[in-house]
Protein backbone atom coordinates (compact mmCIF):
# COMPACT_ATOMS: atom_id res chain seq x y z
CA MET A 1 0.01 0.07 -0.15
CA LYS A 2 1.07 3.39 -0.70
CA THR A 3 1.85 6.19 1.62
CA GLN A 4 2.46 9.78 1.79
CA ALA A 5 5.50 10.81 -0.36
CA ARG A 6 8.10 11.98 2.59
CA LEU A 7 11.67 13.40 0.61
CA VAL A 8 14.56 13.86 3.22
CA LYS A 9 15.21 17.54 3.85
CA VAL A 10 19.23 18.54 2.81
CA ASP A 11 20.84 21.67 2.57
CA ARG A 12 21.02 22.20 -0.74
CA THR A 13 24.35 24.37 -0.85
CA ASP A 14 25.86 21.67 1.68
CA THR A 15 28.90 20.45 -0.19
CA ARG A 16 29.49 17.51 2.25
CA ALA A 17 25.86 15.98 1.59
CA VAL A 18 26.74 16.12 -2.19
CA ALA A 19 30.20 14.25 -1.54
CA GLN A 20 28.47 11.43 0.18
CA THR A 21 25.95 11.39 -2.44
CA ARG A 22 28.62 11.11 -4.83
CA ALA A 23 30.53 8.17 -2.83
CA LEU A 24 27.17 6.33 -2.79
CA ILE A 25 26.56 6.39 -6.16
CA ARG A 26 30.26 5.09 -6.57
CA LEU A 27 30.07 2.64 -4.34
CA LEU A 28 26.95 1.41 -6.29
CA TYR A 29 28.67 1.34 -9.56
CA ASN A 30 31.78 -0.58 -8.09
CA ALA A 31 29.27 -3.15 -6.55
CA HIS A 32 26.58 -3.45 -9.68
CA GLY A 33 27.81 -1.80 -12.80
CA ASN A 34 31.76 -2.72 -13.90
CA SER A 35 30.43 -6.10 -15.71
CA ARG A 36 29.85 -5.74 -18.86
CA LYS A 37 27.38 -8.64 -18.53
CA THR A 38 25.04 -6.88 -16.78
CA PRO A 39 22.04 -5.31 -18.45
CA LEU A 40 22.84 -1.81 -16.58
CA TYR A 41 26.20 -1.59 -17.73
CA GLN A 42 25.37 0.27 -20.95
CA THR A 43 22.30 2.26 -19.84
CA ARG A 44 24.38 3.98 -17.22
CA LYS A 45 26.44 5.38 -19.51
CA ASN A 46 23.56 7.69 -20.49
CA ILE A 47 23.99 11.11 -19.02
CA ARG A 48 20.37 11.51 -18.10
CA PHE A 49 19.65 8.34 -16.50
CA ALA A 50 23.16 9.00 -14.46
CA ASP A 51 21.88 12.40 -13.20
CA LEU A 52 18.72 10.91 -12.32
CA GLU A 53 20.39 8.31 -9.94
CA LEU A 54 22.23 10.81 -8.48
CA LEU A 55 19.65 12.66 -7.88
CA TYR A 56 17.74 10.05 -6.45
CA ALA A 57 20.47 8.97 -3.86
CA HIS A 58 20.82 13.19 -2.79
CA GLN A 59 16.74 13.05 -2.31
CA PHE A 60 16.64 10.27 0.03
CA ARG A 61 20.01 10.13 1.63
CA GLY A 62 20.86 6.43 0.29
CA THR A 63 20.61 3.83 -2.67
CA GLU A 64 17.43 2.58 -1.39
CA LEU A 65 14.18 4.21 -2.32
CA PRO A 66 11.30 4.64 0.32
CA GLU A 67 8.47 2.32 0.35
CA ASP A 68 6.14 5.00 -0.17
CA SER A 69 4.28 6.97 -3.08
CA ALA A 70 7.38 8.79 -3.92
CA GLY A 71 9.46 5.65 -4.05
CA TRP A 72 6.80 4.27 -6.69
CA ASP A 73 6.94 7.41 -8.75
CA CYS A 74 10.70 7.48 -9.10
CA ILE A 75 10.75 3.34 -9.76
CA LEU A 76 8.03 4.36 -12.75
CA ILE A 77 10.26 7.19 -13.87
CA ALA A 78 13.55 5.01 -13.85
CA ALA A 79 11.59 2.47 -15.51
CA CYS A 80 10.46 4.69 -18.32
CA HIS A 81 14.16 5.69 -18.89
CA LEU A 82 15.30 2.22 -18.74
CA TRP A 83 12.58 0.78 -21.11
CA TYR A 84 14.10 3.52 -24.07
CA LEU A 85 17.63 2.89 -22.87
CA GLY A 86 17.95 -0.92 -22.40
CA LYS A 87 16.48 -1.51 -26.10
CA LYS A 88 19.95 -2.89 -26.84
CA CYS A 89 20.87 -4.98 -23.99
CA GLY A 90 17.34 -5.71 -22.85
CA ALA A 91 15.05 -3.42 -21.48
CA ASP A 92 12.91 -5.64 -19.15
CA ALA A 93 16.14 -7.52 -17.52
CA ALA A 94 17.48 -3.73 -17.30
CA ILE A 95 14.44 -2.87 -15.21
CA ARG A 96 14.28 -5.68 -12.83
CA GLU A 97 18.25 -5.51 -12.24
CA TRP A 98 17.83 -1.75 -11.63
CA ILE A 99 14.75 -2.44 -8.94
CA GLU A 100 16.15 -5.21 -7.33
CA GLN A 101 19.34 -2.47 -6.39
CA TRP A 102 17.16 0.10 -5.45
CA ALA A 103 13.89 -1.37 -4.55
CA PRO A 104 14.56 -4.36 -2.47
CA TRP A 105 11.58 -4.14 -1.14
CA LEU A 106 9.29 -4.71 -3.79
CA SER A 107 8.19 -8.34 -4.76
CA PRO A 108 8.85 -10.20 -8.08
CA TYR A 109 5.41 -9.73 -9.05
CA ASP A 110 4.99 -6.03 -8.36
CA ILE A 111 8.28 -6.03 -10.41
CA GLU A 112 6.58 -7.91 -13.42
CA THR A 113 3.14 -5.13 -12.98
CA VAL A 114 5.67 -2.06 -13.24
CA ILE A 115 7.53 -3.58 -16.50
CA MET A 116 3.95 -4.63 -17.84
CA GLU A 117 2.69 -0.75 -16.99
CA VAL A 118 5.89 0.87 -18.54
CA THR A 119 5.55 -1.42 -21.76
CA ALA A 120 2.25 -0.37 -22.51
CA ASN A 121 3.21 3.41 -21.96
CA PRO A 122 6.49 4.05 -21.96
CA ARG A 123 6.45 7.87 -21.06
CA LYS A 124 9.09 10.13 -22.03
CA TRP A 125 10.29 13.54 -20.07
CA THR A 126 11.73 16.93 -21.21
CA ALA A 127 14.17 18.37 -18.88
CA ASP A 128 11.92 20.84 -17.35
CA GLU A 129 8.99 18.44 -17.13
CA LEU A 130 11.34 15.88 -14.91
CA GLY A 131 12.46 19.00 -13.16
CA GLN A 132 8.93 19.62 -12.08
CA GLU A 133 8.07 16.21 -11.21
CA MET A 134 11.41 15.83 -9.23
CA ARG A 135 11.26 19.01 -7.61
CA LEU A 136 14.82 19.73 -8.26
CA ALA A 137 15.58 23.12 -6.88
CA PHE A 138 18.01 25.00 -9.30
CA GLU A 139 20.81 25.30 -6.32
CA THR A 140 20.50 21.65 -6.06
CA ARG A 141 20.82 21.11 -9.67
CA GLN A 142 24.07 23.11 -9.88
CA ALA A 143 25.42 21.81 -6.47
CA LEU A 144 25.21 18.09 -7.79
CA GLY A 145 26.59 19.13 -11.63
CA ILE A 146 23.09 17.93 -12.99
CA THR A 147 22.67 19.05 -16.61
CA THR A 148 20.17 16.87 -18.13
CA ILE A 149 17.20 17.15 -15.65
CA GLY A 150 15.80 21.12 -15.38
CA ALA A 151 14.49 23.08 -12.46
CA PHE A 152 11.41 23.75 -11.40
CA ASP A 153 12.12 27.10 -10.18
CA LEU A 154 14.29 28.40 -12.96
CA ASP A 155 13.06 26.67 -16.88
CA LYS A 156 15.20 26.41 -19.88
CA ALA A 157 15.16 29.87 -20.56
CA GLY A 158 15.68 31.30 -17.41
CA ARG A 159 18.71 28.93 -17.47
CA GLU A 160 19.89 30.10 -20.67
CA LEU A 161 19.75 33.90 -19.41
CA ARG A 162 21.53 33.27 -16.63
CA ARG A 163 24.20 31.30 -18.60
CA LYS A 164 24.73 34.01 -21.08
CA ARG A 165 25.24 36.64 -18.10
CA CYS A 166 27.41 33.84 -16.62
CA LYS A 167 29.47 33.94 -19.51
CA LYS A 168 29.57 37.70 -20.19
CA GLN A 169 30.42 38.40 -16.56
CA ALA A 170 33.27 36.03 -17.02
CA GLU A 171 34.68 37.30 -20.39
CA ALA A 172 34.68 40.80 -18.31
CA GLU A 173 36.78 39.34 -15.70
CA ARG A 174 39.17 37.62 -18.00
CA ARG A 175 39.58 40.98 -19.99
CA ARG A 176 40.43 43.12 -16.29
CA LYS A 177 42.93 40.26 -15.26
CA ARG A 178 44.78 41.02 -18.71
CA GLY A 179 44.79 44.77 -18.12
CA ALA A 180 41.85 46.21 -19.84
CA GLN A 181 39.95 49.00 -18.37
CA PRO A 182 36.06 48.71 -17.58
CA ARG A 183 33.70 50.61 -19.69
CA ALA A 184 33.15 52.96 -16.68
CA GLU A 185 35.96 54.28 -15.58
CA TYR A 186 37.43 54.53 -19.18
CA LEU A 187 34.41 56.90 -19.76
CA ALA A 188 35.04 58.76 -16.78
CA THR A 189 38.19 59.55 -18.02
CA HIS A 190 37.93 59.66 -21.52
CA SER A 191 34.71 62.29 -21.42
CA GLU A 192 35.38 64.60 -23.89
CA SER A 193 34.17 62.35 -26.79
CA ARG A 194 30.58 62.98 -24.97
CA THR A 195 31.51 66.72 -23.56
CA LYS A 196 33.08 67.63 -27.14
CA PRO A 197 34.82 70.96 -25.35
CA TRP A 198 36.32 71.89 -28.91
CA LEU A 199 33.07 73.22 -29.62
CA ALA A 200 32.41 75.57 -27.05
CA LEU A 201 35.93 76.86 -27.53
CA GLY A 202 34.97 77.40 -31.42
CA VAL A 203 37.94 74.86 -32.68
CA SER A 204 37.88 71.23 -34.70
CA ARG A 205 38.78 68.46 -32.47
CA ARG A 206 42.30 68.20 -33.87
CA THR A 207 43.28 71.68 -33.13
CA TYR A 208 41.79 71.11 -29.17
CA GLN A 209 44.05 67.83 -28.74
CA ARG A 210 46.95 69.64 -30.19
CA ARG A 211 46.92 72.57 -28.14
CA LYS A 212 45.63 70.28 -25.27
CA ALA A 213 49.29 67.99 -25.96
CA ASN A 214 51.36 71.18 -26.09
CA ALA A 215 49.85 72.70 -22.82
CA LYS A 216 50.83 69.24 -20.83
CA VAL A 217 54.57 69.33 -22.38
CA GLY A 218 54.75 73.02 -22.11
CA THR A 219 55.56 74.05 -25.82
CA GLY A 220 53.52 76.52 -27.84
CA PRO A 221 51.97 79.72 -27.15
CA CYS A 222 48.52 78.11 -26.86
CA THR A 223 47.01 76.38 -24.26
CA ALA A 224 43.39 74.68 -23.92
CA LYS A 225 41.13 76.14 -21.68
């Protein structure tokens, strides 16, 4: 019987929690994923599926799903992905093996029921749709390094805009490190292009600049006012 979903609350920016999550995934893969003979070997090379397992491990603080509605939802999402990814190595076998690892509490009958349900309707998700369904926050997404699942609080357009701004800021920082002067500082010290003081003197820009140069070195009969 399904119970109310319960996600474990974790600090989205907790670097220790992120490190523990990655360690759990490494242990899981070392224990079950290194043999080329296993159905999951090829499917775990897929970036989206690897992101999905990483997110599960982080949300539930381990590599076993809870025996509630949240756990069932995660099983169905993973099974749908495996149905598409496991066509070459055997989708049914990949689903069985994955469920045995992540939901050992599920009976063989229930596993076959999941396979039948997914085979009848193998759903697909866009990045943003999956982010909404998994309630993945953007901060958590960034901390875990997830790239193929969206965020419920920042859609694809928002992430693209943020990416462009970050790229622009990074490029400006690189220019400053190379000695380039920021535009605001440049305009503050080169305001003559905007104020055009030679017009008030009734002379050309070239004449004004020549007089100014002569005044700086103390030569010539004329000085710039």
